[in-house]
Amino acid sequence: MANMMKMMKQAADMQKNMQKMQAEMAEKTVEFSVGGGAVTVLAKGDVSVQSIKIDPKVVDPEDVEMLEDLILAGVDGALKKAQEMVSEEMGKLTKGLNIPGLNL
C-alpha cells in the first residue's frame, strides 16, 4: 500500500512538472532557415509558427512556386525542430520511466 501511495505521489509530481515544462516550452523559440537564409521561420515550443522572414531577393514573380517550396520547407523544418526541443525536455522529465503508450 505504501508503494502505491508513493507511486501516486510521483505521478502527481510528474504531471505538475510536465505542465510547468509545457508552459516554459510554449515561450521558447527555435529558428530554421532554408535556401541559404532566403526564408527563416521562427517557431515556438507549443509547435506554432511565430514568424516568417523572406529575403526580398528571392521574391520573383516569375517563380512563385520556388518561394512556396522554400516557405513550406522552412515551416516544416521549424516545427520539427520545435517538436525535437519539446521531446528532449520531456525526456528529461520521464528519464528512466517505461510507461506503455507514452512514446517520448
C-alpha atoms as a PDB file:
ATOM      1  CA  MET A   1       0.000   0.000   0.000  1.00  0.00           C
ATOM      2  CA  ALA A   2       2.860   2.394   0.825  1.00  0.00           C
ATOM      3  CA  ASN A   3       4.398   1.673  -2.582  1.00  0.00           C
ATOM      4  CA  MET A   4       1.117   2.539  -4.304  1.00  0.00           C
ATOM      5  CA  MET A   5       0.852   5.844  -2.412  1.00  0.00           C
ATOM      6  CA  LYS A   6       4.464   6.674  -3.262  1.00  0.00           C
ATOM      7  CA  MET A   7       3.841   5.875  -6.928  1.00  0.00           C
ATOM      8  CA  MET A   8       0.694   8.036  -6.996  1.00  0.00           C
ATOM      9  CA  LYS A   9       2.597  10.945  -5.457  1.00  0.00           C
ATOM     10  CA  GLN A  10       5.390  10.533  -8.019  1.00  0.00           C
ATOM     11  CA  ALA A  11       2.818  10.516 -10.844  1.00  0.00           C
ATOM     12  CA  ALA A  12       1.186  13.679  -9.476  1.00  0.00           C
ATOM     13  CA  ASP A  13       4.582  15.365  -9.153  1.00  0.00           C
ATOM     14  CA  MET A  14       5.493  14.353 -12.690  1.00  0.00           C
ATOM     15  CA  GLN A  15       2.207  15.709 -14.032  1.00  0.00           C
ATOM     16  CA  LYS A  16       2.831  19.036 -12.278  1.00  0.00           C
ATOM     17  CA  ASN A  17       6.372  19.147 -13.659  1.00  0.00           C
ATOM     18  CA  MET A  18       5.129  18.321 -17.171  1.00  0.00           C
ATOM     19  CA  GLN A  19       2.575  21.133 -17.062  1.00  0.00           C
ATOM     20  CA  LYS A  20       5.251  23.566 -15.905  1.00  0.00           C
ATOM     21  CA  MET A  21       7.607  22.370 -18.633  1.00  0.00           C
ATOM     22  CA  GLN A  22       4.904  22.721 -21.315  1.00  0.00           C
ATOM     23  CA  ALA A  23       4.283  26.313 -20.242  1.00  0.00           C
ATOM     24  CA  GLU A  24       8.012  27.019 -20.395  1.00  0.00           C
ATOM     25  CA  MET A  25       8.317  25.362 -23.819  1.00  0.00           C
ATOM     26  CA  ALA A  26       5.450  27.485 -25.159  1.00  0.00           C
ATOM     27  CA  GLU A  27       7.677  30.533 -24.574  1.00  0.00           C
ATOM     28  CA  LYS A  28      10.891  29.105 -26.071  1.00  0.00           C
ATOM     29  CA  THR A  29      11.596  29.533 -29.762  1.00  0.00           C
ATOM     30  CA  VAL A  30      13.627  27.771 -32.430  1.00  0.00           C
ATOM     31  CA  GLU A  31      14.739  29.151 -35.770  1.00  0.00           C
ATOM     32  CA  PHE A  32      15.083  27.280 -39.045  1.00  0.00           C
ATOM     33  CA  SER A  33      16.427  28.697 -42.315  1.00  0.00           C
ATOM     34  CA  VAL A  34      16.300  27.286 -45.836  1.00  0.00           C
ATOM     35  CA  GLY A  35      17.682  28.352 -49.186  1.00  0.00           C
ATOM     36  CA  GLY A  36      20.838  29.792 -47.663  1.00  0.00           C
ATOM     37  CA  GLY A  37      18.810  32.093 -45.428  1.00  0.00           C
ATOM     38  CA  ALA A  38      16.275  33.024 -48.102  1.00  0.00           C
ATOM     39  CA  VAL A  39      13.444  32.006 -45.778  1.00  0.00           C
ATOM     40  CA  THR A  40      13.733  31.907 -41.986  1.00  0.00           C
ATOM     41  CA  VAL A  41      10.942  30.569 -39.784  1.00  0.00           C
ATOM     42  CA  LEU A  42      10.662  31.095 -36.047  1.00  0.00           C
ATOM     43  CA  ALA A  43       8.541  28.505 -34.189  1.00  0.00           C
ATOM     44  CA  LYS A  44       7.575  28.236 -30.539  1.00  0.00           C
ATOM     45  CA  GLY A  45       7.752  25.189 -28.305  1.00  0.00           C
ATOM     46  CA  ASP A  46       3.986  24.834 -28.466  1.00  0.00           C
ATOM     47  CA  VAL A  47       4.615  23.969 -32.129  1.00  0.00           C
ATOM     48  CA  SER A  48       3.196  27.203 -33.524  1.00  0.00           C
ATOM     49  CA  VAL A  49       4.807  29.431 -36.123  1.00  0.00           C
ATOM     50  CA  GLN A  50       5.848  32.760 -34.625  1.00  0.00           C
ATOM     51  CA  SER A  51       7.202  34.485 -37.733  1.00  0.00           C
ATOM     52  CA  ILE A  52       8.406  34.011 -41.298  1.00  0.00           C
ATOM     53  CA  LYS A  53      11.114  36.232 -42.789  1.00  0.00           C
ATOM     54  CA  ILE A  54      11.660  36.258 -46.552  1.00  0.00           C
ATOM     55  CA  ASP A  55      14.742  37.774 -48.168  1.00  0.00           C
ATOM     56  CA  PRO A  56      13.367  40.189 -50.791  1.00  0.00           C
ATOM     57  CA  LYS A  57      15.979  38.908 -53.281  1.00  0.00           C
ATOM     58  CA  VAL A  58      14.102  35.592 -53.592  1.00  0.00           C
ATOM     59  CA  VAL A  59      10.755  37.187 -54.438  1.00  0.00           C
ATOM     60  CA  ASP A  60      10.490  36.500 -58.158  1.00  0.00           C
ATOM     61  CA  PRO A  61       7.008  36.940 -59.645  1.00  0.00           C
ATOM     62  CA  GLU A  62       8.061  34.556 -62.407  1.00  0.00           C
ATOM     63  CA  ASP A  63       8.899  31.769 -59.921  1.00  0.00           C
ATOM     64  CA  VAL A  64       6.322  31.850 -57.133  1.00  0.00           C
ATOM     65  CA  GLU A  65       6.498  28.051 -56.880  1.00  0.00           C
ATOM     66  CA  MET A  66      10.107  28.171 -55.657  1.00  0.00           C
ATOM     67  CA  LEU A  67       9.174  30.648 -52.921  1.00  0.00           C
ATOM     68  CA  GLU A  68       6.226  28.471 -51.899  1.00  0.00           C
ATOM     69  CA  ASP A  69       8.564  25.462 -51.674  1.00  0.00           C
ATOM     70  CA  LEU A  70      11.044  27.416 -49.550  1.00  0.00           C
ATOM     71  CA  ILE A  71       8.298  28.567 -47.177  1.00  0.00           C
ATOM     72  CA  LEU A  72       6.898  25.050 -46.871  1.00  0.00           C
ATOM     73  CA  ALA A  73      10.353  23.591 -46.193  1.00  0.00           C
ATOM     74  CA  GLY A  74      11.094  26.323 -43.655  1.00  0.00           C
ATOM     75  CA  VAL A  75       7.849  25.853 -41.754  1.00  0.00           C
ATOM     76  CA  ASP A  76       8.216  22.075 -41.786  1.00  0.00           C
ATOM     77  CA  GLY A  77      11.806  22.285 -40.523  1.00  0.00           C
ATOM     78  CA  ALA A  78      10.983  24.792 -37.786  1.00  0.00           C
ATOM     79  CA  LEU A  79       8.046  22.753 -36.496  1.00  0.00           C
ATOM     80  CA  LYS A  80      10.144  19.576 -36.454  1.00  0.00           C
ATOM     81  CA  LYS A  81      12.891  21.418 -34.582  1.00  0.00           C
ATOM     82  CA  ALA A  82      10.330  22.686 -32.042  1.00  0.00           C
ATOM     83  CA  GLN A  83       8.982  19.154 -31.570  1.00  0.00           C
ATOM     84  CA  GLU A  84      12.517  17.842 -31.037  1.00  0.00           C
ATOM     85  CA  MET A  85      13.149  20.535 -28.414  1.00  0.00           C
ATOM     86  CA  VAL A  86       9.965  19.571 -26.545  1.00  0.00           C
ATOM     87  CA  SER A  87      10.716  15.833 -26.812  1.00  0.00           C
ATOM     88  CA  GLU A  88      14.188  16.392 -25.412  1.00  0.00           C
ATOM     89  CA  GLU A  89      12.811  18.307 -22.432  1.00  0.00           C
ATOM     90  CA  MET A  90      10.067  15.717 -21.856  1.00  0.00           C
ATOM     91  CA  GLY A  91      12.722  13.011 -21.964  1.00  0.00           C
ATOM     92  CA  LYS A  92      14.483  14.698 -19.066  1.00  0.00           C
ATOM     93  CA  LEU A  93      11.286  14.517 -17.012  1.00  0.00           C
ATOM     94  CA  THR A  94      10.443  10.926 -17.877  1.00  0.00           C
ATOM     95  CA  LYS A  95      14.023   9.646 -17.727  1.00  0.00           C
ATOM     96  CA  GLY A  96      14.072   6.030 -16.605  1.00  0.00           C
ATOM     97  CA  LEU A  97      10.326   5.552 -16.822  1.00  0.00           C
ATOM     98  CA  ASN A  98       8.826   2.943 -19.081  1.00  0.00           C
ATOM     99  CA  ILE A  99       5.213   3.968 -19.447  1.00  0.00           C
ATOM    100  CA  PRO A 100       3.315   1.937 -22.061  1.00  0.00           C
ATOM    101  CA  GLY A 101       1.781   4.124 -24.747  1.00  0.00           C
ATOM    102  CA  LEU A 102       3.915   7.164 -23.840  1.00  0.00           C
ATOM    103  CA  ASN A 103       6.413   7.422 -26.679  1.00  0.00           C
ATOM    104  CA  LEU A 104       8.705  10.333 -25.966  1.00  0.00           C
END
